[in-house]
Amino acid sequence: MPGQRDGIQVLEDALKVAKYEMLVQQLNKDLARAGLRENYPTTIQSRSLLRSFTAFIYELVSRDMPAFLNLLYAVDVPEKAVNELAASELHEFAVGAASLILNREFMKLKYR
């Protein structure tokens, strides 16, 4: 997606403006709203979070598409952005989807 930052850029931006912990909390909140048990400590390093969250998205997409779609709805990721990822390989799709979700979570914090 043009102008879309990758996941690590989003996390580094959140660290720069002291909103990283809030981003992790928002992610955990939306995971719970989607009925998912995945939860990340607010102390997790940004690269570890990205790696773990991307792996979680990969597993979710490959094993439980309805749960993945429910997560996208809970986070409010635009359908158009997801559709642009649809032609990718599964790993690329998971990386892109994780970045979309993290971008959306950060945007929520910026407008609070």
PDB file of N, CA and C in Angstrom:
ATOM      1  N   MET A   1       0.851  -1.173   0.000  1.00  0.00           N
ATOM      2  CA  MET A   1       0.000   0.000   0.000  1.00  0.00           C
ATOM      3  C   MET A   1       0.894   1.231   0.000  1.00  0.00           C
ATOM      4  N   PRO A   2       0.726   2.140  -0.932  1.00  0.00           N
ATOM      5  CA  PRO A   2       1.571   3.317  -1.007  1.00  0.00           C
ATOM      6  C   PRO A   2       1.495   4.146   0.275  1.00  0.00           C
ATOM      7  N   GLY A   3       2.648   4.576   0.752  1.00  0.00           N
ATOM      8  CA  GLY A   3       2.689   5.396   1.947  1.00  0.00           C
ATOM      9  C   GLY A   3       2.554   4.607   3.237  1.00  0.00           C
ATOM     10  N   GLN A   4       2.365   3.309   3.134  1.00  0.00           N
ATOM     11  CA  GLN A   4       2.195   2.463   4.307  1.00  0.00           C
ATOM     12  C   GLN A   4       3.562   2.169   4.920  1.00  0.00           C
ATOM     13  N   ARG A   5       3.696   2.394   6.205  1.00  0.00           N
ATOM     14  CA  ARG A   5       4.948   2.090   6.888  1.00  0.00           C
ATOM     15  C   ARG A   5       4.972   0.611   7.254  1.00  0.00           C
ATOM     16  N   ASP A   6       6.176   0.026   7.291  1.00  0.00           N
ATOM     17  CA  ASP A   6       6.232  -1.364   7.713  1.00  0.00           C
ATOM     18  C   ASP A   6       6.139  -1.430   9.237  1.00  0.00           C
ATOM     19  N   GLY A   7       5.948  -2.633   9.734  1.00  0.00           N
ATOM     20  CA  GLY A   7       5.697  -2.821  11.165  1.00  0.00           C
ATOM     21  C   GLY A   7       6.759  -2.255  12.072  1.00  0.00           C
ATOM     22  N   ILE A   8       8.034  -2.459  11.732  1.00  0.00           N
ATOM     23  CA  ILE A   8       9.097  -1.975  12.610  1.00  0.00           C
ATOM     24  C   ILE A   8       9.130  -0.452  12.629  1.00  0.00           C
ATOM     25  N   GLN A   9       8.835   0.192  11.514  1.00  0.00           N
ATOM     26  CA  GLN A   9       8.777   1.664  11.490  1.00  0.00           C
ATOM     27  C   GLN A   9       7.683   2.167  12.429  1.00  0.00           C
ATOM     28  N   VAL A  10       6.543   1.507  12.413  1.00  0.00           N
ATOM     29  CA  VAL A  10       5.433   1.901  13.286  1.00  0.00           C
ATOM     30  C   VAL A  10       5.846   1.772  14.748  1.00  0.00           C
ATOM     31  N   LEU A  11       6.451   0.644  15.097  1.00  0.00           N
ATOM     32  CA  LEU A  11       6.859   0.436  16.481  1.00  0.00           C
ATOM     33  C   LEU A  11       7.935   1.420  16.912  1.00  0.00           C
ATOM     34  N   GLU A  12       8.877   1.714  16.025  1.00  0.00           N
ATOM     35  CA  GLU A  12       9.916   2.700  16.348  1.00  0.00           C
ATOM     36  C   GLU A  12       9.319   4.095  16.503  1.00  0.00           C
ATOM     37  N   ASP A  13       8.344   4.436  15.668  1.00  0.00           N
ATOM     38  CA  ASP A  13       7.660   5.728  15.809  1.00  0.00           C
ATOM     39  C   ASP A  13       6.939   5.804  17.151  1.00  0.00           C
ATOM     40  N   ALA A  14       6.308   4.716  17.550  1.00  0.00           N
ATOM     41  CA  ALA A  14       5.601   4.684  18.836  1.00  0.00           C
ATOM     42  C   ALA A  14       6.591   4.862  19.986  1.00  0.00           C
ATOM     43  N   LEU A  15       7.761   4.262  19.868  1.00  0.00           N
ATOM     44  CA  LEU A  15       8.792   4.434  20.891  1.00  0.00           C
ATOM     45  C   LEU A  15       9.244   5.889  20.973  1.00  0.00           C
ATOM     46  N   LYS A  16       9.423   6.529  19.824  1.00  0.00           N
ATOM     47  CA  LYS A  16       9.901   7.921  19.777  1.00  0.00           C
ATOM     48  C   LYS A  16       8.944   8.880  20.473  1.00  0.00           C
ATOM     49  N   VAL A  17       7.652   8.625  20.356  1.00  0.00           N
ATOM     50  CA  VAL A  17       6.671   9.533  20.958  1.00  0.00           C
ATOM     51  C   VAL A  17       6.116   8.985  22.270  1.00  0.00           C
ATOM     52  N   ALA A  18       6.822   8.027  22.860  1.00  0.00           N
ATOM     53  CA  ALA A  18       6.476   7.442  24.156  1.00  0.00           C
ATOM     54  C   ALA A  18       5.068   6.850  24.180  1.00  0.00           C
ATOM     55  N   LYS A  19       4.673   6.216  23.083  1.00  0.00           N
ATOM     56  CA  LYS A  19       3.354   5.573  23.035  1.00  0.00           C
ATOM     57  C   LYS A  19       3.455   4.076  22.755  1.00  0.00           C
ATOM     58  N   TYR A  20       4.646   3.522  22.880  1.00  0.00           N
ATOM     59  CA  TYR A  20       4.840   2.105  22.585  1.00  0.00           C
ATOM     60  C   TYR A  20       4.009   1.224  23.519  1.00  0.00           C
ATOM     61  N   GLU A  21       4.099   1.488  24.828  1.00  0.00           N
ATOM     62  CA  GLU A  21       3.329   0.688  25.788  1.00  0.00           C
ATOM     63  C   GLU A  21       1.835   0.800  25.505  1.00  0.00           C
ATOM     64  N   MET A  22       1.380   1.994  25.178  1.00  0.00           N
ATOM     65  CA  MET A  22      -0.036   2.183  24.856  1.00  0.00           C
ATOM     66  C   MET A  22      -0.414   1.412  23.593  1.00  0.00           C
ATOM     67  N   LEU A  23       0.488   1.351  22.614  1.00  0.00           N
ATOM     68  CA  LEU A  23       0.221   0.602  21.386  1.00  0.00           C
ATOM     69  C   LEU A  23       0.069  -0.889  21.701  1.00  0.00           C
ATOM     70  N   VAL A  24       0.956  -1.415  22.533  1.00  0.00           N
ATOM     71  CA  VAL A  24       0.868  -2.832  22.912  1.00  0.00           C
ATOM     72  C   VAL A  24      -0.433  -3.088  23.684  1.00  0.00           C
ATOM     73  N   GLN A  25      -0.786  -2.178  24.576  1.00  0.00           N
ATOM     74  CA  GLN A  25      -2.043  -2.319  25.319  1.00  0.00           C
ATOM     75  C   GLN A  25      -3.248  -2.291  24.382  1.00  0.00           C
ATOM     76  N   GLN A  26      -3.235  -1.402  23.399  1.00  0.00           N
ATOM     77  CA  GLN A  26      -4.335  -1.315  22.433  1.00  0.00           C
ATOM     78  C   GLN A  26      -4.409  -2.587  21.596  1.00  0.00           C
ATOM     79  N   LEU A  27      -3.262  -3.099  21.189  1.00  0.00           N
ATOM     80  CA  LEU A  27      -3.222  -4.353  20.434  1.00  0.00           C
ATOM     81  C   LEU A  27      -3.815  -5.488  21.266  1.00  0.00           C
ATOM     82  N   ASN A  28      -3.401  -5.585  22.527  1.00  0.00           N
ATOM     83  CA  ASN A  28      -3.939  -6.621  23.411  1.00  0.00           C
ATOM     84  C   ASN A  28      -5.449  -6.477  23.595  1.00  0.00           C
ATOM     85  N   LYS A  29      -5.908  -5.249  23.728  1.00  0.00           N
ATOM     86  CA  LYS A  29      -7.342  -4.984  23.893  1.00  0.00           C
ATOM     87  C   LYS A  29      -8.120  -5.464  22.658  1.00  0.00           C
ATOM     88  N   ASP A  30      -7.614  -5.146  21.471  1.00  0.00           N
ATOM     89  CA  ASP A  30      -8.320  -5.545  20.254  1.00  0.00           C
ATOM     90  C   ASP A  30      -8.218  -7.048  19.998  1.00  0.00           C
ATOM     91  N   LEU A  31      -7.113  -7.660  20.380  1.00  0.00           N
ATOM     92  CA  LEU A  31      -7.018  -9.118  20.289  1.00  0.00           C
ATOM     93  C   LEU A  31      -8.088  -9.762  21.175  1.00  0.00           C
ATOM     94  N   ALA A  32      -8.242  -9.238  22.377  1.00  0.00           N
ATOM     95  CA  ALA A  32      -9.266  -9.765  23.297  1.00  0.00           C
ATOM     96  C   ALA A  32     -10.671  -9.506  22.747  1.00  0.00           C
ATOM     97  N   ARG A  33     -10.907  -8.310  22.194  1.00  0.00           N
ATOM     98  CA  ARG A  33     -12.226  -8.004  21.612  1.00  0.00           C
ATOM     99  C   ARG A  33     -12.570  -8.955  20.475  1.00  0.00           C
ATOM    100  N   ALA A  34     -11.540  -9.429  19.779  1.00  0.00           N
ATOM    101  CA  ALA A  34     -11.747 -10.364  18.671  1.00  0.00           C
ATOM    102  C   ALA A  34     -11.855 -11.808  19.176  1.00  0.00           C
ATOM    103  N   GLY A  35     -11.765 -11.994  20.493  1.00  0.00           N
ATOM    104  CA  GLY A  35     -11.900 -13.322  21.062  1.00  0.00           C
ATOM    105  C   GLY A  35     -10.638 -14.167  20.963  1.00  0.00           C
ATOM    106  N   LEU A  36      -9.493 -13.514  20.810  1.00  0.00           N
ATOM    107  CA  LEU A  36      -8.221 -14.224  20.683  1.00  0.00           C
ATOM    108  C   LEU A  36      -7.456 -14.149  21.996  1.00  0.00           C
ATOM    109  N   ARG A  37      -6.747 -15.200  22.313  1.00  0.00           N
ATOM    110  CA  ARG A  37      -6.039 -15.282  23.591  1.00  0.00           C
ATOM    111  C   ARG A  37      -4.603 -14.775  23.539  1.00  0.00           C
ATOM    112  N   GLU A  38      -4.155 -14.361  22.396  1.00  0.00           N
ATOM    113  CA  GLU A  38      -2.783 -13.840  22.260  1.00  0.00           C
ATOM    114  C   GLU A  38      -2.674 -12.552  23.075  1.00  0.00           C
ATOM    115  N   ASN A  39      -1.573 -12.397  23.795  1.00  0.00           N
ATOM    116  CA  ASN A  39      -1.379 -11.230  24.640  1.00  0.00           C
ATOM    117  C   ASN A  39       0.123 -10.967  24.729  1.00  0.00           C
ATOM    118  N   TYR A  40       0.509  -9.716  24.647  1.00  0.00           N
ATOM    119  CA  TYR A  40       1.918  -9.346  24.659  1.00  0.00           C
ATOM    120  C   TYR A  40       2.204  -8.450  25.858  1.00  0.00           C
ATOM    121  N   PRO A  41       3.326  -8.710  26.550  1.00  0.00           N
ATOM    122  CA  PRO A  41       3.698  -7.823  27.663  1.00  0.00           C
ATOM    123  C   PRO A  41       4.129  -6.457  27.113  1.00  0.00           C
ATOM    124  N   THR A  42       3.836  -5.423  27.845  1.00  0.00           N
ATOM    125  CA  THR A  42       4.195  -4.077  27.389  1.00  0.00           C
ATOM    126  C   THR A  42       5.702  -3.864  27.395  1.00  0.00           C
ATOM    127  N   THR A  43       6.425  -4.766  28.014  1.00  0.00           N
ATOM    128  CA  THR A  43       7.888  -4.655  28.086  1.00  0.00           C
ATOM    129  C   THR A  43       8.596  -5.380  26.939  1.00  0.00           C
ATOM    130  N   ILE A  44       7.852  -6.024  26.059  1.00  0.00           N
ATOM    131  CA  ILE A  44       8.457  -6.778  24.957  1.00  0.00           C
ATOM    132  C   ILE A  44       9.200  -5.823  24.018  1.00  0.00           C
ATOM    133  N   GLN A  45      10.363  -6.240  23.549  1.00  0.00           N
ATOM    134  CA  GLN A  45      11.148  -5.435  22.612  1.00  0.00           C
ATOM    135  C   GLN A  45      10.394  -5.333  21.282  1.00  0.00           C
ATOM    136  N   SER A  46      10.540  -4.223  20.591  1.00  0.00           N
ATOM    137  CA  SER A  46       9.774  -3.974  19.372  1.00  0.00           C
ATOM    138  C   SER A  46      10.007  -5.042  18.302  1.00  0.00           C
ATOM    139  N   ARG A  47      11.234  -5.445  18.095  1.00  0.00           N
ATOM    140  CA  ARG A  47      11.510  -6.467  17.074  1.00  0.00           C
ATOM    141  C   ARG A  47      10.930  -7.822  17.473  1.00  0.00           C
ATOM    142  N   SER A  48      10.969  -8.125  18.747  1.00  0.00           N
ATOM    143  CA  SER A  48      10.372  -9.381  19.233  1.00  0.00           C
ATOM    144  C   SER A  48       8.861  -9.355  19.063  1.00  0.00           C
ATOM    145  N   LEU A  49       8.270  -8.214  19.356  1.00  0.00           N
ATOM    146  CA  LEU A  49       6.821  -8.077  19.173  1.00  0.00           C
ATOM    147  C   LEU A  49       6.456  -8.279  17.707  1.00  0.00           C
ATOM    148  N   LEU A  50       7.164  -7.616  16.828  1.00  0.00           N
ATOM    149  CA  LEU A  50       6.858  -7.730  15.404  1.00  0.00           C
ATOM    150  C   LEU A  50       7.015  -9.170  14.920  1.00  0.00           C
ATOM    151  N   ARG A  51       8.086  -9.819  15.310  1.00  0.00           N
ATOM    152  CA  ARG A  51       8.327 -11.204  14.900  1.00  0.00           C
ATOM    153  C   ARG A  51       7.231 -12.127  15.438  1.00  0.00           C
ATOM    154  N   SER A  52       6.913 -11.983  16.700  1.00  0.00           N
ATOM    155  CA  SER A  52       5.900 -12.831  17.329  1.00  0.00           C
ATOM    156  C   SER A  52       4.507 -12.558  16.769  1.00  0.00           C
ATOM    157  N   PHE A  53       4.176 -11.290  16.588  1.00  0.00           N
ATOM    158  CA  PHE A  53       2.855 -10.934  16.080  1.00  0.00           C
ATOM    159  C   PHE A  53       2.693 -11.386  14.627  1.00  0.00           C
ATOM    160  N   THR A  54       3.734 -11.247  13.825  1.00  0.00           N
ATOM    161  CA  THR A  54       3.678 -11.703  12.436  1.00  0.00           C
ATOM    162  C   THR A  54       3.483 -13.223  12.382  1.00  0.00           C
ATOM    163  N   ALA A  55       4.188 -13.960  13.238  1.00  0.00           N
ATOM    164  CA  ALA A  55       4.028 -15.418  13.294  1.00  0.00           C
ATOM    165  C   ALA A  55       2.604 -15.778  13.718  1.00  0.00           C
ATOM    166  N   PHE A  56       2.059 -15.008  14.676  1.00  0.00           N
ATOM    167  CA  PHE A  56       0.683 -15.242  15.111  1.00  0.00           C
ATOM    168  C   PHE A  56      -0.296 -15.014  13.954  1.00  0.00           C
ATOM    169  N   ILE A  57      -0.114 -13.943  13.206  1.00  0.00           N
ATOM    170  CA  ILE A  57      -0.982 -13.654  12.060  1.00  0.00           C
ATOM    171  C   ILE A  57      -0.855 -14.762  11.014  1.00  0.00           C
ATOM    172  N   TYR A  58       0.342 -15.216  10.756  1.00  0.00           N
ATOM    173  CA  TYR A  58       0.579 -16.307   9.803  1.00  0.00           C
ATOM    174  C   TYR A  58      -0.232 -17.542  10.210  1.00  0.00           C
ATOM    175  N   GLU A  59      -0.116 -17.927  11.472  1.00  0.00           N
ATOM    176  CA  GLU A  59      -0.852 -19.092  11.971  1.00  0.00           C
ATOM    177  C   GLU A  59      -2.357 -18.873  11.901  1.00  0.00           C
ATOM    178  N   LEU A  60      -2.792 -17.678  12.264  1.00  0.00           N
ATOM    179  CA  LEU A  60      -4.219 -17.370  12.247  1.00  0.00           C
ATOM    180  C   LEU A  60      -4.794 -17.462  10.837  1.00  0.00           C
ATOM    181  N   VAL A  61      -4.103 -16.879   9.882  1.00  0.00           N
ATOM    182  CA  VAL A  61      -4.575 -16.903   8.490  1.00  0.00           C
ATOM    183  C   VAL A  61      -4.609 -18.335   7.958  1.00  0.00           C
ATOM    184  N   SER A  62      -3.583 -19.109   8.278  1.00  0.00           N
ATOM    185  CA  SER A  62      -3.510 -20.460   7.723  1.00  0.00           C
ATOM    186  C   SER A  62      -4.440 -21.450   8.416  1.00  0.00           C
ATOM    187  N   ARG A  63      -4.855 -21.158   9.651  1.00  0.00           N
ATOM    188  CA  ARG A  63      -5.664 -22.126  10.397  1.00  0.00           C
ATOM    189  C   ARG A  63      -7.073 -21.662  10.760  1.00  0.00           C
ATOM    190  N   ASP A  64      -7.291 -20.347  10.819  1.00  0.00           N
ATOM    191  CA  ASP A  64      -8.600 -19.862  11.270  1.00  0.00           C
ATOM    192  C   ASP A  64      -8.920 -18.511  10.621  1.00  0.00           C
ATOM    193  N   MET A  65      -9.254 -18.559   9.338  1.00  0.00           N
ATOM    194  CA  MET A  65      -9.535 -17.324   8.591  1.00  0.00           C
ATOM    195  C   MET A  65     -10.665 -16.503   9.211  1.00  0.00           C
ATOM    196  N   PRO A  66     -11.769 -17.129   9.690  1.00  0.00           N
ATOM    197  CA  PRO A  66     -12.815 -16.306  10.319  1.00  0.00           C
ATOM    198  C   PRO A  66     -12.302 -15.512  11.530  1.00  0.00           C
ATOM    199  N   ALA A  67     -11.422 -16.099  12.327  1.00  0.00           N
ATOM    200  CA  ALA A  67     -10.857 -15.380  13.474  1.00  0.00           C
ATOM    201  C   ALA A  67      -9.973 -14.226  13.003  1.00  0.00           C
ATOM    202  N   PHE A  68      -9.223 -14.445  11.926  1.00  0.00           N
ATOM    203  CA  PHE A  68      -8.394 -13.379  11.357  1.00  0.00           C
ATOM    204  C   PHE A  68      -9.272 -12.223  10.877  1.00  0.00           C
ATOM    205  N   LEU A  69     -10.339 -12.544  10.173  1.00  0.00           N
ATOM    206  CA  LEU A  69     -11.250 -11.503   9.685  1.00  0.00           C
ATOM    207  C   LEU A  69     -11.912 -10.761  10.845  1.00  0.00           C
ATOM    208  N   ASN A  70     -12.232 -11.482  11.900  1.00  0.00           N
ATOM    209  CA  ASN A  70     -12.804 -10.854  13.084  1.00  0.00           C
ATOM    210  C   ASN A  70     -11.803  -9.881  13.723  1.00  0.00           C
ATOM    211  N   LEU A  71     -10.531 -10.252  13.728  1.00  0.00           N
ATOM    212  CA  LEU A  71      -9.493  -9.353  14.252  1.00  0.00           C
ATOM    213  C   LEU A  71      -9.397  -8.092  13.406  1.00  0.00           C
ATOM    214  N   LEU A  72      -9.417  -8.253  12.093  1.00  0.00           N
ATOM    215  CA  LEU A  72      -9.365  -7.082  11.211  1.00  0.00           C
ATOM    216  C   LEU A  72     -10.548  -6.150  11.481  1.00  0.00           C
ATOM    217  N   TYR A  73     -11.714  -6.735  11.718  1.00  0.00           N
ATOM    218  CA  TYR A  73     -12.907  -5.941  12.025  1.00  0.00           C
ATOM    219  C   TYR A  73     -12.738  -5.223  13.369  1.00  0.00           C
ATOM    220  N   ALA A  74     -12.222  -5.935  14.374  1.00  0.00           N
ATOM    221  CA  ALA A  74     -12.044  -5.340  15.709  1.00  0.00           C
ATOM    222  C   ALA A  74     -11.052  -4.183  15.670  1.00  0.00           C
ATOM    223  N   VAL A  75     -10.010  -4.319  14.854  1.00  0.00           N
ATOM    224  CA  VAL A  75      -8.982  -3.273  14.755  1.00  0.00           C
ATOM    225  C   VAL A  75      -9.432  -2.152  13.821  1.00  0.00           C
ATOM    226  N   ASP A  76     -10.356  -2.454  12.929  1.00  0.00           N
ATOM    227  CA  ASP A  76     -10.888  -1.513  11.945  1.00  0.00           C
ATOM    228  C   ASP A  76      -9.877  -1.231  10.828  1.00  0.00           C
ATOM    229  N   VAL A  77      -9.309  -2.311  10.306  1.00  0.00           N
ATOM    230  CA  VAL A  77      -8.394  -2.202   9.164  1.00  0.00           C
ATOM    231  C   VAL A  77      -9.245  -2.077   7.897  1.00  0.00           C
ATOM    232  N   PRO A  78      -8.979  -1.097   7.043  1.00  0.00           N
ATOM    233  CA  PRO A  78      -9.762  -0.923   5.816  1.00  0.00           C
ATOM    234  C   PRO A  78      -9.697  -2.149   4.907  1.00  0.00           C
ATOM    235  N   GLU A  79     -10.848  -2.577   4.424  1.00  0.00           N
ATOM    236  CA  GLU A  79     -10.926  -3.748   3.550  1.00  0.00           C
ATOM    237  C   GLU A  79     -10.076  -3.576   2.294  1.00  0.00           C
ATOM    238  N   LYS A  80     -10.053  -2.370   1.756  1.00  0.00           N
ATOM    239  CA  LYS A  80      -9.271  -2.100   0.550  1.00  0.00           C
ATOM    240  C   LYS A  80      -7.792  -2.412   0.775  1.00  0.00           C
ATOM    241  N   ALA A  81      -7.274  -2.034   1.921  1.00  0.00           N
ATOM    242  CA  ALA A  81      -5.865  -2.287   2.227  1.00  0.00           C
ATOM    243  C   ALA A  81      -5.578  -3.785   2.301  1.00  0.00           C
ATOM    244  N   VAL A  82      -6.502  -4.534   2.884  1.00  0.00           N
ATOM    245  CA  VAL A  82      -6.334  -5.990   2.984  1.00  0.00           C
ATOM    246  C   VAL A  82      -6.415  -6.616   1.600  1.00  0.00           C
ATOM    247  N   ASN A  83      -7.333  -6.147   0.780  1.00  0.00           N
ATOM    248  CA  ASN A  83      -7.476  -6.685  -0.573  1.00  0.00           C
ATOM    249  C   ASN A  83      -6.217  -6.481  -1.405  1.00  0.00           C
ATOM    250  N   GLU A  84      -5.486  -5.414  -1.149  1.00  0.00           N
ATOM    251  CA  GLU A  84      -4.239  -5.172  -1.866  1.00  0.00           C
ATOM    252  C   GLU A  84      -3.169  -6.198  -1.506  1.00  0.00           C
ATOM    253  N   LEU A  85      -3.312  -6.844  -0.356  1.00  0.00           N
ATOM    254  CA  LEU A  85      -2.363  -7.877   0.067  1.00  0.00           C
ATOM    255  C   LEU A  85      -2.745  -9.255  -0.469  1.00  0.00           C
ATOM    256  N   ALA A  86      -3.973  -9.408  -0.926  1.00  0.00           N
ATOM    257  CA  ALA A  86      -4.540 -10.724  -1.220  1.00  0.00           C
ATOM    258  C   ALA A  86      -3.750 -11.559  -2.215  1.00  0.00           C
ATOM    259  N   ALA A  87      -3.024 -10.967  -3.133  1.00  0.00           N
ATOM    260  CA  ALA A  87      -2.295 -11.729  -4.151  1.00  0.00           C
ATOM    261  C   ALA A  87      -0.926 -12.200  -3.661  1.00  0.00           C
ATOM    262  N   SER A  88      -0.551 -11.855  -2.457  1.00  0.00           N
ATOM    263  CA  SER A  88       0.768 -12.189  -1.927  1.00  0.00           C
ATOM    264  C   SER A  88       0.870 -13.661  -1.517  1.00  0.00           C
ATOM    265  N   GLU A  89       2.099 -14.119  -1.375  1.00  0.00           N
ATOM    266  CA  GLU A  89       2.349 -15.418  -0.740  1.00  0.00           C
ATOM    267  C   GLU A  89       1.913 -15.304   0.718  1.00  0.00           C
ATOM    268  N   LEU A  90       1.648 -16.432   1.372  1.00  0.00           N
ATOM    269  CA  LEU A  90       1.136 -16.409   2.742  1.00  0.00           C
ATOM    270  C   LEU A  90       2.060 -15.654   3.693  1.00  0.00           C
ATOM    271  N   HIS A  91       3.372 -15.903   3.601  1.00  0.00           N
ATOM    272  CA  HIS A  91       4.293 -15.203   4.500  1.00  0.00           C
ATOM    273  C   HIS A  91       4.256 -13.693   4.247  1.00  0.00           C
ATOM    274  N   GLU A  92       4.288 -13.297   2.982  1.00  0.00           N
ATOM    275  CA  GLU A  92       4.227 -11.873   2.644  1.00  0.00           C
ATOM    276  C   GLU A  92       2.900 -11.271   3.105  1.00  0.00           C
ATOM    277  N   PHE A  93       1.836 -12.028   2.949  1.00  0.00           N
ATOM    278  CA  PHE A  93       0.524 -11.563   3.391  1.00  0.00           C
ATOM    279  C   PHE A  93       0.528 -11.334   4.901  1.00  0.00           C
ATOM    280  N   ALA A  94       1.100 -12.272   5.658  1.00  0.00           N
ATOM    281  CA  ALA A  94       1.147 -12.141   7.118  1.00  0.00           C
ATOM    282  C   ALA A  94       1.964 -10.918   7.530  1.00  0.00           C
ATOM    283  N   VAL A  95       3.097 -10.707   6.880  1.00  0.00           N
ATOM    284  CA  VAL A  95       3.929  -9.525   7.182  1.00  0.00           C
ATOM    285  C   VAL A  95       3.141  -8.246   6.885  1.00  0.00           C
ATOM    286  N   GLY A  96       2.496  -8.208   5.732  1.00  0.00           N
ATOM    287  CA  GLY A  96       1.706  -7.036   5.361  1.00  0.00           C
ATOM    288  C   GLY A  96       0.528  -6.808   6.281  1.00  0.00           C
ATOM    289  N   ALA A  97      -0.176  -7.889   6.631  1.00  0.00           N
ATOM    290  CA  ALA A  97      -1.335  -7.773   7.519  1.00  0.00           C
ATOM    291  C   ALA A  97      -0.915  -7.306   8.909  1.00  0.00           C
ATOM    292  N   ALA A  98       0.192  -7.835   9.417  1.00  0.00           N
ATOM    293  CA  ALA A  98       0.699  -7.398  10.721  1.00  0.00           C
ATOM    294  C   ALA A  98       1.023  -5.904  10.682  1.00  0.00           C
ATOM    295  N   SER A  99       1.635  -5.455   9.602  1.00  0.00           N
ATOM    296  CA  SER A  99       1.958  -4.027   9.455  1.00  0.00           C
ATOM    297  C   SER A  99       0.689  -3.178   9.383  1.00  0.00           C
ATOM    298  N   LEU A 100      -0.306  -3.646   8.645  1.00  0.00           N
ATOM    299  CA  LEU A 100      -1.577  -2.906   8.563  1.00  0.00           C
ATOM    300  C   LEU A 100      -2.220  -2.768   9.941  1.00  0.00           C
ATOM    301  N   ILE A 101      -2.230  -3.854  10.686  1.00  0.00           N
ATOM    302  CA  ILE A 101      -2.846  -3.832  12.013  1.00  0.00           C
ATOM    303  C   ILE A 101      -2.077  -2.893  12.935  1.00  0.00           C
ATOM    304  N   LEU A 102      -0.759  -2.991  12.950  1.00  0.00           N
ATOM    305  CA  LEU A 102       0.036  -2.110  13.812  1.00  0.00           C
ATOM    306  C   LEU A 102      -0.115  -0.647  13.406  1.00  0.00           C
ATOM    307  N   ASN A 103      -0.162  -0.379  12.107  1.00  0.00           N
ATOM    308  CA  ASN A 103      -0.402   0.992  11.639  1.00  0.00           C
ATOM    309  C   ASN A 103      -1.733   1.514  12.152  1.00  0.00           C
ATOM    310  N   ARG A 104      -2.766   0.702  12.047  1.00  0.00           N
ATOM    311  CA  ARG A 104      -4.100   1.135  12.485  1.00  0.00           C
ATOM    312  C   ARG A 104      -4.127   1.372  13.988  1.00  0.00           C
ATOM    313  N   GLU A 105      -3.476   0.491  14.748  1.00  0.00           N
ATOM    314  CA  GLU A 105      -3.428   0.672  16.200  1.00  0.00           C
ATOM    315  C   GLU A 105      -2.714   1.974  16.560  1.00  0.00           C
ATOM    316  N   PHE A 106      -1.620   2.277  15.856  1.00  0.00           N
ATOM    317  CA  PHE A 106      -0.888   3.514  16.126  1.00  0.00           C
ATOM    318  C   PHE A 106      -1.726   4.731  15.755  1.00  0.00           C
ATOM    319  N   MET A 107      -2.460   4.640  14.647  1.00  0.00           N
ATOM    320  CA  MET A 107      -3.321   5.750  14.245  1.00  0.00           C
ATOM    321  C   MET A 107      -4.374   6.030  15.314  1.00  0.00           C
ATOM    322  N   LYS A 108      -4.925   4.992  15.911  1.00  0.00           N
ATOM    323  CA  LYS A 108      -5.905   5.176  16.985  1.00  0.00           C
ATOM    324  C   LYS A 108      -5.310   5.988  18.130  1.00  0.00           C
ATOM    325  N   LEU A 109      -4.061   5.690  18.470  1.00  0.00           N
ATOM    326  CA  LEU A 109      -3.399   6.409  19.567  1.00  0.00           C
ATOM    327  C   LEU A 109      -3.114   7.858  19.214  1.00  0.00           C
ATOM    328  N   LYS A 110      -2.765   8.102  17.955  1.00  0.00           N
ATOM    329  CA  LYS A 110      -2.445   9.463  17.541  1.00  0.00           C
ATOM    330  C   LYS A 110      -3.654  10.395  17.617  1.00  0.00           C
ATOM    331  N   TYR A 111      -4.845   9.835  17.468  1.00  0.00           N
ATOM    332  CA  TYR A 111      -6.056  10.663  17.463  1.00  0.00           C
ATOM    333  C   TYR A 111      -6.745  10.729  18.809  1.00  0.00           C
ATOM    334  N   ARG A 112      -6.105  10.201  19.835  1.00  0.00           N
ATOM    335  CA  ARG A 112      -6.684  10.284  21.190  1.00  0.00           C
ATOM    336  C   ARG A 112      -6.288  11.579  21.849  1.00  0.00           C
TER     337      ARG A 112
END
